[in-house]
């Protein structure tokens, strides 16, 4: 008897959360805590968006205490270290770019916020929306980077590219206003 995959999918019970998207997995190694954005990547709905929201909140908390130079160092170190520990977590998960790994969104959105600050809440909201667009849709050349670059560097680089295009859109918008 042949079954209809669409009907089977509709009638199937909801999948149980993966063992990779659990607090137990996150706390199994300190690098997973960073890779999973201190738990923000464990969100069952839109973990990349939740990770980006975490980046915004953490930026607001730390910004009064860090200079621009200190932010630049934190972002650069976060990128380089993230290549290592995001690659480590992805390898443990057996997925090339797992959605619960959100450190890449955090570092990339910190970069965006660093360049748009000072900005109003509305300005930061638009930066968030534009960044999420580029990160989710991955228009060329971001899609190329996402598909061609592998490992931790690939995980991190496509989000830095999304941050660059976000900043480009913001700069072009500011030139016209």
Protein backbone atom coordinates (compact mmCIF):
# COMPACT_ATOMS: atom_id res chain seq x y z
CA UNK A 1 0.00 0.00 0.00
CA UNK A 2 1.41 3.36 -1.04
CA UNK A 3 1.16 6.23 1.43
CA UNK A 4 0.85 9.93 0.77
CA UNK A 5 3.84 11.75 2.38
CA UNK A 6 1.83 14.96 2.76
CA UNK A 7 -0.98 13.21 4.63
CA UNK A 8 1.54 11.29 6.73
CA UNK A 9 3.26 14.54 7.68
CA UNK A 10 -0.02 16.21 8.60
CA UNK A 11 -1.22 13.25 10.65
CA UNK A 12 2.14 12.59 12.29
CA UNK A 13 2.52 13.70 15.88
CA UNK A 14 4.72 16.69 16.47
CA UNK A 15 8.37 15.77 16.53
CA UNK A 16 10.01 15.71 19.92
CA UNK A 17 12.65 18.36 20.46
CA UNK A 18 16.04 17.21 19.26
CA UNK A 19 18.57 16.24 21.88
CA UNK A 20 20.73 18.99 20.38
CA UNK A 21 18.23 21.69 21.32
CA UNK A 22 18.16 20.88 24.99
CA UNK A 23 19.64 22.52 28.05
CA UNK A 24 21.31 19.19 28.81
CA UNK A 25 23.25 19.37 25.52
CA UNK A 26 24.06 23.05 26.06
CA UNK A 27 25.49 22.42 29.53
CA UNK A 28 27.40 19.34 28.40
CA UNK A 29 30.33 21.56 27.35
CA UNK A 30 31.15 25.23 28.09
CA UNK A 31 31.65 25.99 24.38
CA UNK A 32 28.09 24.88 23.64
CA UNK A 33 26.83 27.55 26.06
CA UNK A 34 28.53 30.23 23.94
CA UNK A 35 27.58 28.65 20.60
CA UNK A 36 23.94 28.41 21.63
CA UNK A 37 23.89 32.04 22.71
CA UNK A 38 23.53 31.37 26.44
CA UNK A 39 20.33 29.47 25.70
CA UNK A 40 18.79 31.86 23.18
CA UNK A 41 19.46 29.33 20.41
CA UNK A 42 17.30 26.78 22.23
CA UNK A 43 14.15 28.64 21.22
CA UNK A 44 11.85 26.24 19.35
CA UNK A 45 10.66 29.12 17.18
CA UNK A 46 13.09 31.25 15.15
CA UNK A 47 16.28 30.66 17.17
CA UNK A 48 18.26 33.02 14.92
CA UNK A 49 15.82 35.83 15.62
CA UNK A 50 15.89 35.10 19.35
CA UNK A 51 19.71 35.08 19.21
CA UNK A 52 19.64 38.45 17.46
CA UNK A 53 17.29 39.78 20.16
CA UNK A 54 19.76 38.49 22.76
CA UNK A 55 22.50 40.42 20.91
CA UNK A 56 20.42 43.61 21.10
CA UNK A 57 19.69 43.21 24.82
CA UNK A 58 23.29 42.35 25.69
CA UNK A 59 24.50 45.32 23.63
CA UNK A 60 22.22 47.65 25.59
CA UNK A 61 23.49 46.18 28.88
CA UNK A 62 27.21 46.31 28.02
CA UNK A 63 27.34 49.45 25.88
CA UNK A 64 27.58 51.93 28.81
CA UNK A 65 30.60 50.01 30.10
CA UNK A 66 32.57 49.48 26.88
CA UNK A 67 34.32 51.95 24.60
CA UNK A 68 34.12 51.66 20.83
CA UNK A 69 37.64 50.19 20.81
CA UNK A 70 36.66 47.60 23.43
CA UNK A 71 33.58 46.67 21.40
CA UNK A 72 35.79 46.29 18.31
CA UNK A 73 38.11 43.94 20.21
CA UNK A 74 35.16 41.98 21.65
CA UNK A 75 33.63 41.59 18.18
CA UNK A 76 36.96 40.60 16.56
CA UNK A 77 37.77 38.10 19.33
CA UNK A 78 34.14 36.89 19.27
CA UNK A 79 34.43 36.26 15.53
CA UNK A 80 37.75 34.41 15.69
CA UNK A 81 36.84 32.38 18.77
CA UNK A 82 33.35 31.78 17.35
CA UNK A 83 34.89 30.14 14.28
CA UNK A 84 36.37 27.58 16.66
CA UNK A 85 33.58 26.93 19.13
CA UNK A 86 30.69 27.19 16.64
CA UNK A 87 32.51 24.69 14.44
CA UNK A 88 33.04 22.47 17.49
CA UNK A 89 29.35 22.55 18.43
CA UNK A 90 28.23 21.99 14.84
CA UNK A 91 30.53 18.99 14.58
CA UNK A 92 29.12 17.55 17.81
CA UNK A 93 25.61 18.07 16.44
CA UNK A 94 26.51 16.50 13.10
CA UNK A 95 25.04 19.46 11.16
CA UNK A 96 27.09 21.88 9.09
CA UNK A 97 25.27 25.06 10.23
CA UNK A 98 22.73 24.18 12.93
CA UNK A 99 20.02 26.72 13.64
CA UNK A 100 20.49 26.56 17.44
CA UNK A 101 24.04 27.88 16.98
CA UNK A 102 23.38 31.62 17.23
CA UNK A 103 26.74 33.05 18.30
CA UNK A 104 27.19 34.10 14.67
CA UNK A 105 24.03 36.25 14.83
CA UNK A 106 25.12 37.74 18.16
CA UNK A 107 28.55 38.86 16.98
CA UNK A 108 27.26 40.10 13.61
CA UNK A 109 24.44 42.11 15.15
CA UNK A 110 26.81 43.61 17.73
CA UNK A 111 28.81 44.84 14.74
CA UNK A 112 25.69 46.41 13.22
CA UNK A 113 24.71 48.07 16.49
CA UNK A 114 28.23 49.37 17.04
CA UNK A 115 28.10 51.21 13.71
CA UNK A 116 24.54 52.52 14.02
CA UNK A 117 24.88 53.70 17.63
CA UNK A 118 23.82 56.24 18.66
CA UNK A 119 20.48 55.38 17.19
CA UNK A 120 16.94 55.67 18.39
CA UNK A 121 14.98 52.58 19.30
CA UNK A 122 13.27 52.90 15.91
CA UNK A 123 16.64 53.05 14.17
CA UNK A 124 17.81 49.94 16.00
CA UNK A 125 14.52 48.21 15.19
CA UNK A 126 15.04 48.89 11.47
CA UNK A 127 18.63 47.65 11.76
CA UNK A 128 17.26 44.47 13.37
CA UNK A 129 14.68 43.98 10.60
CA UNK A 130 17.17 44.57 7.79
CA UNK A 131 19.76 42.27 9.40
CA UNK A 132 17.21 39.49 9.91
CA UNK A 133 16.14 39.88 6.25
CA UNK A 134 19.69 39.43 4.98
CA UNK A 135 20.39 36.59 7.42
CA UNK A 136 17.22 34.64 6.60
CA UNK A 137 16.84 35.27 2.86
CA UNK A 138 20.58 35.15 2.14
CA UNK A 139 20.54 36.98 -1.19
CA UNK A 140 23.68 36.72 -3.32
CA UNK A 141 26.54 36.89 -2.44
CA UNK A 142 25.56 35.88 1.13
CA UNK A 143 24.01 32.65 -0.21
CA UNK A 144 27.27 31.87 -2.01
CA UNK A 145 29.25 32.27 1.23
CA UNK A 146 26.70 30.19 3.13
CA UNK A 147 26.99 27.33 0.64
CA UNK A 148 30.71 27.43 -0.12
CA UNK A 149 32.37 28.22 3.19
CA UNK A 150 32.33 25.32 5.64
CA UNK A 151 33.06 24.75 9.30
CA UNK A 152 33.08 27.39 11.97
CA UNK A 153 34.42 30.05 9.60
CA UNK A 154 31.49 29.47 7.24
CA UNK A 155 29.00 29.63 10.11
CA UNK A 156 30.41 32.98 11.20
CA UNK A 157 31.20 34.57 7.84
CA UNK A 158 27.77 34.56 6.20
CA UNK A 159 26.38 36.50 9.18
CA UNK A 160 29.21 39.03 8.99
CA UNK A 161 28.31 39.42 5.31
CA UNK A 162 24.65 39.97 6.34
CA UNK A 163 25.87 42.61 8.81
CA UNK A 164 27.89 44.31 6.06
CA UNK A 165 24.87 44.48 3.74
CA UNK A 166 22.72 45.74 6.61
CA UNK A 167 25.19 48.54 7.24
CA UNK A 168 25.32 49.29 3.51
CA UNK A 169 21.51 49.64 3.35
CA UNK A 170 21.53 51.88 6.43
CA UNK A 171 24.31 54.05 5.00
CA UNK A 172 22.48 54.41 1.68
CA UNK A 173 19.24 55.24 3.49
CA UNK A 174 21.01 57.88 5.61
CA UNK A 175 22.48 59.45 2.46
CA UNK A 176 19.01 59.95 0.99
CA UNK A 177 17.45 61.45 4.12
